[in-house]
N, C-alpha and C. Protein backbone atom coordinates (compact mmCIF):
# COMPACT_ATOMS: atom_id res chain seq x y z
N MET A 1 46.49 31.71 22.53
CA MET A 1 46.52 31.85 23.64
C MET A 1 48.04 32.66 23.89
N ALA A 2 47.42 33.44 24.91
CA ALA A 2 48.90 34.74 24.84
C ALA A 2 49.89 34.36 25.49
N GLN A 3 50.67 35.19 23.93
CA GLN A 3 52.38 35.04 24.11
C GLN A 3 53.49 36.40 24.90
N ASN A 4 53.57 36.41 26.02
CA ASN A 4 54.80 37.46 25.90
C ASN A 4 55.84 37.16 25.66
N CYS A 5 56.95 38.65 25.32
CA CYS A 5 58.19 38.62 24.66
C CYS A 5 59.07 37.60 26.02
N ILE A 6 60.14 36.66 25.33
CA ILE A 6 60.67 35.92 25.49
C ILE A 6 61.68 36.38 26.30
N LEU A 7 62.48 37.07 26.36
CA LEU A 7 62.93 38.02 27.02
C LEU A 7 62.48 39.31 27.34
N CYS A 8 61.92 40.11 27.26
CA CYS A 8 61.22 41.23 28.51
C CYS A 8 60.15 40.73 28.62
N SER A 9 59.82 39.93 28.39
CA SER A 9 57.98 39.73 29.07
C SER A 9 57.17 40.41 28.52
N SER A 10 57.48 42.12 27.54
CA SER A 10 56.43 42.77 27.52
C SER A 10 55.32 41.68 26.73
N SER A 11 53.72 42.58 26.77
CA SER A 11 52.52 41.32 27.02
C SER A 11 52.31 42.61 25.49
N SER A 12 53.29 43.07 24.85
CA SER A 12 52.56 43.49 23.65
C SER A 12 53.03 43.39 22.24
N VAL A 13 53.74 42.58 21.94
CA VAL A 13 54.18 41.61 20.95
C VAL A 13 52.96 41.32 20.27
N PHE A 14 53.25 41.28 19.24
CA PHE A 14 52.86 40.22 17.81
C PHE A 14 53.43 40.06 17.05
N PRO A 15 52.00 39.20 16.17
CA PRO A 15 53.05 38.81 14.87
C PRO A 15 53.68 39.01 13.84
N ILE A 16 54.49 38.87 12.75
CA ILE A 16 54.72 39.09 11.42
C ILE A 16 54.03 38.36 10.57
N LYS A 17 53.10 39.00 10.18
CA LYS A 17 52.34 38.53 9.11
C LYS A 17 53.25 38.32 7.34
N PHE A 18 52.79 37.13 7.06
CA PHE A 18 53.61 37.62 5.82
C PHE A 18 52.40 37.61 4.87
N PRO A 19 54.04 37.22 3.74
CA PRO A 19 52.46 37.68 2.38
C PRO A 19 52.20 36.13 2.18
N LYS A 20 50.55 35.77 1.37
CA LYS A 20 50.63 34.23 0.75
C LYS A 20 50.73 34.52 -0.61
N PRO A 21 51.33 33.55 -1.33
CA PRO A 21 51.84 32.25 -0.69
C PRO A 21 52.87 32.08 -0.07
N THR A 22 53.33 31.77 1.08
CA THR A 22 54.80 31.39 1.79
C THR A 22 55.51 30.62 1.70
N ARG A 23 56.56 30.90 2.16
CA ARG A 23 57.77 29.28 2.36
C ARG A 23 57.79 29.51 3.81
N GLN A 24 57.15 29.73 4.90
CA GLN A 24 57.64 29.99 5.95
C GLN A 24 56.28 29.62 6.97
N ALA A 25 56.14 28.56 7.73
CA ALA A 25 55.87 28.32 7.59
C ALA A 25 54.97 28.08 9.68
N ARG A 26 56.62 28.85 9.85
CA ARG A 26 56.44 28.77 11.34
C ARG A 26 56.07 30.30 11.73
N ARG A 27 56.04 30.29 12.90
CA ARG A 27 54.82 31.31 13.03
C ARG A 27 56.34 32.38 13.93
N PHE A 28 56.05 34.03 13.92
CA PHE A 28 57.03 34.77 14.08
C PHE A 28 56.40 35.67 15.34
N MET A 29 57.18 36.39 16.10
CA MET A 29 56.47 36.62 16.92
C MET A 29 57.99 38.05 17.23
N ARG A 30 56.99 39.44 17.19
CA ARG A 30 57.80 40.64 16.75
C ARG A 30 57.10 41.57 18.96
N CYS A 31 58.69 42.08 19.10
CA CYS A 31 58.16 42.51 20.62
C CYS A 31 59.21 44.39 20.37
N PRO A 32 58.24 45.08 20.53
CA PRO A 32 58.13 46.39 20.17
C PRO A 32 59.07 47.33 21.52
N VAL A 33 59.34 45.98 22.43
CA VAL A 33 59.72 46.55 23.77
C VAL A 33 60.90 46.74 23.60
N CYS A 34 61.62 45.12 23.66
CA CYS A 34 63.59 45.54 22.58
C CYS A 34 63.90 44.87 21.59
N GLU A 35 62.69 44.43 20.88
CA GLU A 35 62.67 44.79 19.60
C GLU A 35 63.38 43.03 18.83
N LEU A 36 63.00 41.58 20.09
CA LEU A 36 63.40 41.01 19.96
C LEU A 36 63.07 40.27 18.69
N ILE A 37 63.37 38.60 17.89
CA ILE A 37 61.50 38.31 17.28
C ILE A 37 62.03 36.61 17.78
N PHE A 38 61.36 36.70 17.38
CA PHE A 38 61.74 34.85 18.08
C PHE A 38 60.11 33.82 17.34
N VAL A 39 60.45 32.83 17.37
CA VAL A 39 59.01 31.30 16.73
C VAL A 39 59.03 31.24 18.88
N PRO A 40 57.47 31.17 18.56
CA PRO A 40 56.98 30.28 19.72
C PRO A 40 57.77 29.13 20.05
N ALA A 41 57.02 28.66 20.86
CA ALA A 41 57.79 26.82 21.66
C ALA A 41 56.77 25.37 21.04
N GLY A 42 55.94 26.10 19.85
CA GLY A 42 54.88 25.12 19.71
C GLY A 42 56.08 25.32 17.84
N TYR A 43 56.75 25.90 17.95
CA TYR A 43 56.97 25.74 15.93
C TYR A 43 59.06 25.23 16.14
N HIS A 44 58.67 24.92 17.42
CA HIS A 44 61.01 24.47 17.19
C HIS A 44 61.11 23.01 17.39
N LEU A 45 62.22 22.72 16.49
CA LEU A 45 62.21 21.68 15.79
C LEU A 45 62.49 20.59 17.86
N SER A 46 62.09 19.28 17.66
CA SER A 46 62.58 18.60 18.50
C SER A 46 64.10 19.01 19.62
N PRO A 47 64.28 18.40 20.45
CA PRO A 47 66.20 17.94 20.75
C PRO A 47 67.08 17.37 19.85
N GLN A 48 66.15 16.12 19.67
CA GLN A 48 66.69 15.01 19.03
C GLN A 48 66.98 15.87 17.19
N ASP A 49 65.52 16.16 16.99
CA ASP A 49 66.05 16.69 15.10
C ASP A 49 67.30 17.66 15.47
N GLU A 50 66.96 18.49 16.63
CA GLU A 50 67.95 19.67 16.35
C GLU A 50 69.66 19.19 16.38
N ALA A 51 70.21 18.62 17.58
CA ALA A 51 70.79 17.72 17.16
C ALA A 51 71.67 17.64 16.02
N ALA A 52 70.50 16.64 15.38
CA ALA A 52 70.38 16.04 13.85
C ALA A 52 71.92 17.11 13.10
N ARG A 53 70.21 18.24 12.88
CA ARG A 53 71.33 18.87 12.14
C ARG A 53 72.67 19.73 12.40
N TYR A 54 72.83 19.54 13.45
CA TYR A 54 74.13 20.53 13.91
C TYR A 54 74.44 19.39 13.71
N ARG A 55 74.77 18.37 13.85
CA ARG A 55 75.64 16.87 13.61
C ARG A 55 76.23 17.17 12.02
N LEU A 56 75.21 17.25 11.29
CA LEU A 56 75.36 17.55 9.20
C LEU A 56 76.52 19.79 9.27
N HIS A 57 76.33 20.21 10.11
CA HIS A 57 77.49 21.07 9.77
C HIS A 57 79.01 20.38 9.78
N GLU A 58 79.20 21.16 8.44
CA GLU A 58 80.74 20.62 7.71
C GLU A 58 81.65 21.96 8.46
N ASN A 59 81.86 22.24 9.37
CA ASN A 59 82.53 22.75 10.98
C ASN A 59 83.73 22.70 11.18
N THR A 60 84.92 22.62 10.58
CA THR A 60 86.15 22.39 10.76
C THR A 60 87.26 22.36 10.30
N LEU A 61 88.38 22.67 11.31
CA LEU A 61 89.58 22.88 10.59
C LEU A 61 89.53 23.39 9.34
N LEU A 62 89.08 22.22 8.09
CA LEU A 62 90.33 22.32 6.88
C LEU A 62 88.59 23.92 6.28
N ASN A 63 88.19 23.34 7.32
CA ASN A 63 87.44 24.90 6.44
C ASN A 63 87.49 26.72 6.41
N GLU A 64 88.47 26.14 5.32
CA GLU A 64 88.83 27.82 5.28
C GLU A 64 88.41 29.22 5.77
N GLY A 65 87.23 29.27 5.14
CA GLY A 65 86.13 30.13 5.19
C GLY A 65 85.86 30.49 7.04
N TYR A 66 85.81 29.40 7.17
CA TYR A 66 85.36 29.29 8.24
C TYR A 66 86.44 29.36 9.30
N VAL A 67 87.30 28.50 9.25
CA VAL A 67 88.38 29.74 10.19
C VAL A 67 88.92 30.75 9.97
N ARG A 68 89.18 31.75 8.84
CA ARG A 68 89.34 32.90 8.78
C ARG A 68 88.50 33.43 9.78
N MET A 69 87.25 33.55 9.10
CA MET A 69 85.64 34.34 9.99
C MET A 69 85.79 34.04 11.32
N PHE A 70 86.46 33.04 11.97
CA PHE A 70 86.65 33.75 13.68
C PHE A 70 88.17 34.07 13.91
N LEU A 71 89.26 33.84 13.11
CA LEU A 71 90.73 34.68 13.42
C LEU A 71 90.20 36.40 13.03
N GLU A 72 88.82 36.17 12.54
CA GLU A 72 89.07 37.96 12.57
C GLU A 72 88.16 37.94 13.98
N LYS A 73 87.47 37.36 14.68
CA LYS A 73 86.85 37.66 15.21
C LYS A 73 87.88 37.15 16.96
N ILE A 74 88.20 36.44 16.72
CA ILE A 74 89.60 36.45 17.27
C ILE A 74 90.83 38.28 17.87
N ALA A 75 90.51 38.29 16.89
CA ALA A 75 91.35 40.02 16.55
C ALA A 75 90.84 40.76 17.08
N LEU A 76 89.58 40.59 17.29
CA LEU A 76 88.81 41.76 17.23
C LEU A 76 88.59 41.10 19.17
N VAL A 77 88.73 40.33 19.47
CA VAL A 77 89.19 40.02 21.31
C VAL A 77 90.18 40.38 21.64
N HIS A 78 90.97 40.14 20.77
CA HIS A 78 92.47 40.77 21.52
C HIS A 78 92.60 42.01 21.77
N ARG A 79 91.94 43.15 21.02
CA ARG A 79 91.67 44.37 20.64
C ARG A 79 90.64 45.04 21.89
N TYR A 80 89.55 44.37 21.75
CA TYR A 80 89.01 45.03 22.86
C TYR A 80 88.88 44.35 23.98
N CYS A 81 89.21 43.23 24.15
CA CYS A 81 89.40 42.03 26.02
C CYS A 81 90.64 42.27 25.45
N PRO A 82 91.43 42.74 25.90
CA PRO A 82 93.36 42.69 26.32
C PRO A 82 93.77 42.12 27.95
N ASP A 83 93.22 42.27 28.41
CA ASP A 83 93.40 41.26 29.52
C ASP A 83 92.39 40.22 29.50
N ALA A 84 91.58 39.60 28.44
CA ALA A 84 90.71 38.48 28.59
C ALA A 84 92.00 37.64 28.71
N ARG A 85 91.32 36.15 30.01
CA ARG A 85 93.11 35.01 29.40
C ARG A 85 92.78 33.55 29.47
N THR A 86 91.42 33.59 29.60
CA THR A 86 90.01 33.18 30.79
C THR A 86 89.28 32.99 29.68
N VAL A 87 89.28 31.79 28.85
CA VAL A 87 87.31 31.75 27.97
C VAL A 87 86.37 31.02 27.77
N LEU A 88 85.75 30.49 28.25
CA LEU A 88 84.41 29.76 27.37
C LEU A 88 83.94 29.99 26.16
N ASP A 89 83.40 29.32 25.44
CA ASP A 89 83.56 28.86 24.15
C ASP A 89 82.05 28.26 24.34
N TYR A 90 80.90 28.76 24.23
CA TYR A 90 79.82 28.42 24.83
C TYR A 90 78.56 28.74 23.72
N GLY A 91 78.95 27.18 23.30
CA GLY A 91 77.24 26.44 23.09
C GLY A 91 78.65 25.93 21.35
N CYS A 92 79.51 25.75 21.65
CA CYS A 92 80.68 24.70 20.66
C CYS A 92 80.34 23.88 19.46
N GLY A 93 79.64 23.32 20.04
CA GLY A 93 78.84 22.52 18.60
C GLY A 93 79.79 21.67 18.95
N PRO A 94 79.80 19.80 18.23
CA PRO A 94 80.63 18.85 17.89
C PRO A 94 81.69 19.22 17.33
N GLU A 95 81.71 19.79 16.94
CA GLU A 95 83.89 20.10 15.93
C GLU A 95 83.95 21.40 17.23
N PRO A 96 84.54 21.87 18.14
CA PRO A 96 84.44 22.84 18.22
C PRO A 96 86.35 24.06 18.05
N VAL A 97 85.43 24.41 17.28
CA VAL A 97 86.89 24.09 16.03
C VAL A 97 87.66 26.32 17.34
N LEU A 98 86.51 26.83 17.07
CA LEU A 98 86.82 28.02 18.03
C LEU A 98 87.63 27.61 19.04
N THR A 99 87.25 27.14 19.68
CA THR A 99 88.51 26.97 21.07
C THR A 99 89.51 26.35 20.64
N GLN A 100 89.28 25.33 19.15
CA GLN A 100 91.41 25.25 18.71
C GLN A 100 92.21 26.61 18.33
N LEU A 101 90.98 27.44 17.53
CA LEU A 101 91.85 28.81 17.55
C LEU A 101 92.35 29.24 18.30
N LEU A 102 91.63 29.20 19.52
CA LEU A 102 91.41 30.93 20.62
C LEU A 102 93.21 29.48 21.73
N ARG A 103 92.24 28.55 21.85
CA ARG A 103 94.37 27.45 22.59
C ARG A 103 95.15 27.89 21.76
N ARG A 104 95.58 28.09 20.37
CA ARG A 104 96.63 28.24 19.58
C ARG A 104 97.16 29.75 19.60
N GLU A 105 96.40 30.25 21.04
CA GLU A 105 96.46 32.80 20.25
C GLU A 105 96.72 31.63 21.46
N GLY A 106 97.10 31.56 22.39
CA GLY A 106 97.50 31.41 24.19
C GLY A 106 96.49 31.22 25.09
N PHE A 107 95.02 31.34 24.70
CA PHE A 107 94.29 31.38 25.51
C PHE A 107 93.60 30.33 26.64
N ASP A 108 93.19 30.52 27.87
CA ASP A 108 93.08 29.05 28.57
C ASP A 108 91.26 28.61 28.15
N CYS A 109 91.01 27.80 27.34
CA CYS A 109 89.57 27.73 27.06
C CYS A 109 89.26 27.04 27.10
N ASP A 110 87.80 27.15 27.84
CA ASP A 110 86.88 25.45 28.10
C ASP A 110 85.82 25.79 26.67
N VAL A 111 85.02 24.24 27.10
CA VAL A 111 84.20 23.70 25.67
C VAL A 111 82.58 23.68 27.28
N TYR A 112 81.66 24.03 26.26
CA TYR A 112 80.35 24.60 26.54
C TYR A 112 79.00 23.79 25.41
N ASP A 113 78.26 22.29 25.50
CA ASP A 113 77.71 23.52 24.82
C ASP A 113 75.90 21.73 25.57
N PRO A 114 74.84 22.43 25.09
CA PRO A 114 74.02 21.68 25.66
C PRO A 114 73.69 19.80 24.67
N TYR A 115 74.00 19.92 24.06
CA TYR A 115 74.39 18.41 23.71
C TYR A 115 75.50 18.19 23.49
N PHE A 116 76.66 18.16 23.28
CA PHE A 116 77.75 17.54 23.04
C PHE A 116 78.46 18.29 23.59
N PHE A 117 79.43 19.22 24.79
CA PHE A 117 79.63 18.94 25.42
C PHE A 117 78.55 19.28 26.58
N PRO A 118 77.97 18.88 27.28
CA PRO A 118 76.52 19.14 28.12
C PRO A 118 77.15 19.43 29.62
N VAL A 119 78.21 19.26 29.66
CA VAL A 119 78.98 19.99 31.87
C VAL A 119 79.10 21.29 31.28
N LEU A 120 79.30 22.56 31.83
CA LEU A 120 79.51 22.72 31.73
C LEU A 120 79.99 22.99 32.86
N PRO A 121 81.77 23.64 32.69
CA PRO A 121 82.62 23.90 33.56
C PRO A 121 82.84 24.32 34.77
N GLY A 122 83.46 24.59 36.64
CA GLY A 122 82.79 25.09 37.40
C GLY A 122 84.03 26.03 36.82
N GLY A 123 83.50 27.34 37.93
CA GLY A 123 84.77 28.55 37.81
C GLY A 123 84.42 29.63 36.96
N SER A 124 84.83 30.64 36.84
CA SER A 124 84.49 31.95 36.18
C SER A 124 85.74 31.70 35.17
N TYR A 125 84.91 32.98 34.20
CA TYR A 125 85.69 33.49 32.69
C TYR A 125 86.41 35.14 32.93
N ASP A 126 86.81 35.36 32.28
CA ASP A 126 86.72 36.89 31.91
C ASP A 126 86.32 36.89 29.88
N LEU A 127 85.95 35.94 29.66
CA LEU A 127 85.17 35.34 28.09
C LEU A 127 84.46 35.01 28.65
N VAL A 128 83.10 34.80 27.93
CA VAL A 128 82.72 33.90 27.13
C VAL A 128 82.60 34.65 26.04
N ILE A 129 82.03 33.72 25.12
CA ILE A 129 82.22 33.89 23.88
C ILE A 129 80.97 32.68 23.29
N SER A 130 80.74 33.59 21.94
CA SER A 130 79.43 32.28 21.50
C SER A 130 78.77 32.92 20.25
N THR A 131 79.56 31.78 19.37
CA THR A 131 79.70 32.17 18.01
C THR A 131 77.77 31.66 17.31
N GLU A 132 77.04 32.35 17.21
CA GLU A 132 75.97 31.05 16.15
C GLU A 132 75.45 31.23 16.86
N VAL A 133 75.29 31.19 18.47
CA VAL A 133 74.16 30.60 18.83
C VAL A 133 73.73 30.99 19.86
N PHE A 134 72.95 32.26 19.96
CA PHE A 134 72.83 33.45 20.58
C PHE A 134 70.72 33.17 19.68
N GLU A 135 71.24 32.88 18.22
CA GLU A 135 69.87 32.72 17.42
C GLU A 135 69.25 30.90 17.53
N HIS A 136 69.72 30.52 18.89
CA HIS A 136 69.25 29.41 18.74
C HIS A 136 68.76 29.22 20.19
N PHE A 137 68.91 30.31 21.17
CA PHE A 137 68.58 29.74 22.71
C PHE A 137 66.48 29.77 22.00
N ARG A 138 66.37 28.86 23.52
CA ARG A 138 65.24 28.55 23.50
C ARG A 138 64.56 29.50 24.78
N ASP A 139 64.83 29.42 25.67
CA ASP A 139 65.23 30.84 27.27
C ASP A 139 66.67 31.49 26.98
N VAL A 140 66.38 32.44 26.32
CA VAL A 140 67.13 33.51 26.34
C VAL A 140 67.12 34.27 27.06
N ARG A 141 66.41 34.67 28.20
CA ARG A 141 66.38 34.85 29.41
C ARG A 141 67.31 34.77 30.56
N ALA A 142 66.80 33.12 30.00
CA ALA A 142 67.70 32.38 31.49
C ALA A 142 68.75 32.14 30.93
N GLU A 143 69.78 31.93 29.70
CA GLU A 143 70.66 31.45 29.05
C GLU A 143 71.31 32.66 29.21
N LEU A 144 70.54 34.03 29.02
CA LEU A 144 72.21 35.26 29.19
C LEU A 144 72.01 34.82 31.26
N PHE A 145 71.10 34.64 32.40
CA PHE A 145 71.46 34.87 33.18
C PHE A 145 72.60 33.65 33.34
N LYS A 146 72.48 33.01 33.49
CA LYS A 146 73.80 32.05 33.21
C LYS A 146 74.92 32.64 32.56
N ILE A 147 74.97 32.89 31.94
CA ILE A 147 76.19 33.45 31.45
C ILE A 147 76.55 34.56 32.13
N ARG A 148 75.98 35.37 32.27
CA ARG A 148 75.81 36.73 33.69
C ARG A 148 77.18 36.25 34.77
N SER A 149 76.63 35.13 35.10
CA SER A 149 77.19 34.51 36.42
C SER A 149 78.10 34.34 35.81
N LEU A 150 78.66 33.15 34.78
CA LEU A 150 80.17 32.61 34.55
C LEU A 150 81.57 33.38 34.65
N LEU A 151 80.19 35.13 34.30
CA LEU A 151 82.12 36.51 34.03
C LEU A 151 82.43 36.26 34.86
N ASN A 152 84.02 36.91 35.18
CA ASN A 152 84.39 37.09 36.32
C ASN A 152 84.17 38.80 36.03
N PRO A 153 84.05 39.32 37.22
CA PRO A 153 83.60 40.99 37.42
C PRO A 153 84.32 41.44 36.42
N GLY A 154 83.64 42.57 35.52
CA GLY A 154 84.64 43.10 34.68
C GLY A 154 85.16 42.93 32.64
N GLY A 155 84.74 41.14 33.23
CA GLY A 155 84.65 40.38 32.15
C GLY A 155 83.34 40.24 30.98
N PHE A 156 83.93 39.88 29.71
CA PHE A 156 83.87 40.18 29.00
C PHE A 156 82.90 39.03 28.12
N LEU A 157 81.51 39.34 27.52
CA LEU A 157 80.48 38.24 26.59
C LEU A 157 81.02 38.78 25.14
N ALA A 158 81.09 38.68 23.96
CA ALA A 158 80.99 38.24 23.62
C ALA A 158 80.40 37.84 22.10
N VAL A 159 79.49 37.80 21.19
CA VAL A 159 78.21 37.13 20.27
C VAL A 159 78.53 37.29 19.50
N MET A 160 78.42 36.55 18.23
CA MET A 160 77.76 36.97 17.00
C MET A 160 77.04 36.41 16.95
N THR A 161 75.89 36.78 15.67
CA THR A 161 74.66 36.30 15.39
C THR A 161 74.62 37.71 14.95
N SER A 162 73.33 37.08 13.92
CA SER A 162 73.15 37.94 12.50
C SER A 162 72.26 38.52 12.91
N PHE A 163 71.98 40.65 13.21
CA PHE A 163 70.84 41.79 13.92
C PHE A 163 69.60 41.33 12.11
N HIS A 164 68.95 41.65 13.06
CA HIS A 164 67.76 40.94 11.91
C HIS A 164 67.31 43.35 10.89
N ASP A 165 68.25 43.76 11.81
CA ASP A 165 67.92 45.93 11.82
C ASP A 165 69.34 45.58 10.28
N SER A 166 69.42 45.34 10.11
CA SER A 166 70.64 44.94 8.92
C SER A 166 70.53 43.81 8.32
N ALA A 167 69.73 43.61 8.12
CA ALA A 167 68.34 41.99 7.16
C ALA A 167 69.24 42.56 5.62
N GLY A 168 67.64 43.65 5.78
CA GLY A 168 66.49 44.72 4.70
C GLY A 168 65.57 43.84 5.01
N ASP A 169 65.09 43.99 4.05
CA ASP A 169 63.59 42.53 4.08
C ASP A 169 63.97 41.11 5.23
N PHE A 170 63.26 41.07 6.30
CA PHE A 170 63.32 40.42 7.03
C PHE A 170 62.54 38.63 6.47
N MET A 171 61.18 39.75 5.86
CA MET A 171 60.93 38.46 5.78
C MET A 171 60.83 37.37 4.26
N ASP A 172 62.15 37.79 3.41
CA ASP A 172 63.31 37.23 2.08
C ASP A 172 64.65 37.10 3.31
N TRP A 173 64.69 36.71 4.58
CA TRP A 173 65.95 37.19 5.49
C TRP A 173 66.57 35.09 4.94
N TRP A 174 67.64 35.52 4.44
CA TRP A 174 67.98 33.57 4.71
C TRP A 174 67.96 32.94 5.99
N TYR A 175 68.01 34.47 7.06
CA TYR A 175 68.48 33.55 8.30
C TYR A 175 68.15 32.78 8.98
N ILE A 176 66.26 33.21 8.50
CA ILE A 176 64.88 32.73 9.18
C ILE A 176 64.59 31.41 8.84
N THR A 177 65.03 30.72 7.41
CA THR A 177 64.57 30.09 7.27
C THR A 177 65.32 28.48 7.34
N ASP A 178 66.35 29.00 8.25
CA ASP A 178 66.87 27.78 8.88
C ASP A 178 66.02 26.72 10.75
N PRO A 179 65.01 26.34 10.30
CA PRO A 179 64.45 25.72 11.78
C PRO A 179 65.03 25.98 13.08
N THR A 180 66.41 25.17 13.21
CA THR A 180 67.27 26.12 14.65
C THR A 180 67.18 27.05 14.76
N HIS A 181 66.38 28.34 13.50
CA HIS A 181 66.90 29.32 14.44
C HIS A 181 65.35 29.93 15.06
N VAL A 182 66.08 30.23 16.41
CA VAL A 182 64.27 31.55 16.74
C VAL A 182 64.36 31.76 17.98
N CYS A 183 65.45 32.59 17.65
CA CYS A 183 65.81 34.32 18.14
C CYS A 183 66.50 35.11 16.65
N PHE A 184 65.50 36.70 17.04
CA PHE A 184 66.51 37.08 16.10
C PHE A 184 66.91 38.68 16.66
N PHE A 185 68.13 39.08 16.50
CA PHE A 185 68.31 40.22 18.05
C PHE A 185 68.47 41.16 17.41
N SER A 186 68.21 42.63 17.00
CA SER A 186 68.31 43.85 16.90
C SER A 186 69.85 44.67 17.76
N MET A 187 70.93 45.17 17.09
CA MET A 187 71.29 46.03 18.01
C MET A 187 70.41 46.67 18.75
N ARG A 188 68.88 47.02 18.95
CA ARG A 188 67.87 47.53 20.74
C ARG A 188 68.57 46.99 21.16
N THR A 189 67.84 45.16 20.58
CA THR A 189 67.81 44.13 21.68
C THR A 189 69.25 44.42 22.40
N PHE A 190 69.94 44.06 22.01
CA PHE A 190 71.43 44.01 23.06
C PHE A 190 71.37 45.73 23.99
N GLU A 191 71.29 46.48 23.41
CA GLU A 191 71.11 47.47 24.01
C GLU A 191 69.92 47.25 25.39
N TRP A 192 69.17 47.08 25.01
CA TRP A 192 68.20 46.55 26.57
C TRP A 192 69.00 45.80 27.01
N ILE A 193 69.23 44.37 26.46
CA ILE A 193 70.51 43.37 27.50
C ILE A 193 71.25 44.26 28.22
N GLU A 194 72.18 45.32 27.71
CA GLU A 194 73.10 45.80 28.43
C GLU A 194 72.69 46.47 29.94
N LYS A 195 70.99 46.97 29.29
CA LYS A 195 70.84 47.52 31.18
C LYS A 195 70.29 46.37 31.68
N GLU A 196 69.15 45.82 31.37
CA GLU A 196 68.56 45.03 31.92
C GLU A 196 69.85 43.52 32.85
N PHE A 197 70.34 43.46 32.80
CA PHE A 197 71.46 42.82 32.20
C PHE A 197 72.95 43.00 33.08
N GLY A 198 73.17 44.48 33.48
CA GLY A 198 74.71 45.20 33.06
C GLY A 198 75.89 44.51 33.41
N PHE A 199 75.36 45.05 31.35
CA PHE A 199 77.02 45.19 30.71
C PHE A 199 76.58 46.94 30.00
N HIS A 200 77.78 46.25 29.49
CA HIS A 200 78.63 48.24 28.72
C HIS A 200 78.96 47.81 27.47
N ARG A 201 78.95 48.50 26.07
CA ARG A 201 79.23 48.02 25.14
C ARG A 201 80.44 48.84 24.60
N VAL A 202 81.66 47.51 24.48
CA VAL A 202 82.64 48.01 24.20
C VAL A 202 82.80 47.46 22.58
N TYR A 203 82.36 47.01 21.94
CA TYR A 203 82.50 47.06 20.10
C TYR A 203 81.05 46.92 19.56
N ILE A 204 81.04 46.79 18.43
CA ILE A 204 79.99 46.72 18.04
C ILE A 204 79.76 46.62 15.95
N ASP A 205 80.11 46.17 14.91
CA ASP A 205 79.67 46.25 14.27
C ASP A 205 78.71 46.44 13.16
N THR A 206 77.53 46.04 13.42
CA THR A 206 76.06 46.88 13.19
C THR A 206 75.66 45.09 11.80
N LYS A 207 76.53 44.54 11.84
CA LYS A 207 76.07 43.49 11.68
C LYS A 207 76.16 42.17 12.05
N ASN A 208 76.53 41.59 12.99
CA ASN A 208 77.00 40.35 13.51
C ASN A 208 77.38 40.41 14.60
N PHE A 209 78.06 41.23 15.51
CA PHE A 209 79.14 40.64 16.31
C PHE A 209 79.00 42.17 17.69
N ILE A 210 79.11 41.55 18.98
CA ILE A 210 78.60 42.48 19.36
C ILE A 210 80.36 42.22 20.93
N ILE A 211 80.36 43.05 21.73
CA ILE A 211 80.96 42.39 22.65
C ILE A 211 81.22 43.69 23.87
N LEU A 212 80.96 42.83 25.09
CA LEU A 212 79.90 43.53 25.94
C LEU A 212 80.37 43.36 27.35
N ALA A 213 80.59 43.95 28.21
CA ALA A 213 81.61 43.91 29.68
C ALA A 213 80.87 44.29 30.25
N LYS A 214 80.74 43.83 31.16
CA LYS A 214 80.30 43.52 32.63
C LYS A 214 80.65 44.00 33.55
N ASN A 215 79.75 44.90 33.65
CA ASN A 215 79.11 45.43 34.76
C ASN A 215 80.47 45.97 36.39
N GLU A 216 81.11 46.23 36.81
CA GLU A 216 81.89 45.33 37.83
C GLU A 216 80.78 45.97 39.01
């Protein structure tokens, strides 16, 4: 069955061919237009199995490396989003550590997660931050429309997800071995998102973190 890109709807997508034997049982499709790489829906985990895997994560305030990583991102938010006060932690998981750290830093922060905090708060935000979440999006286009609608004019979207164009050999990349990872973005993918969804870039580290500002 024909498969279009789940982000830009291009019909030019093609499968990435892995050498045999391979540890990958899933199929990966690459879009030459927006450079998204994605796993077709037939290879996704059930929502129940996906949520069960998230509950296994040891992401708590006691994990020093995890907290340090978030504090580095918060420092970038302070620098590049200086007027942001209201924040939504989008895809916060069962233990919203980032939310707690943002509140300690003086931000008014709400949480949303489709599995663990499924009620989307009302209102709009100066900043939507999404860390290690975009790679889990099954319908990335719908999620981006939703996120944009939650932002105030001139608001910011901060995304942490590893870029596949900085990964070296995609076929050996550890990031693709997680069965809950179904979307893989490049820096060029975010360029396409900026144009399509009305953002402009204020920061990127070329590895795994980008901050976009909503065009007014």
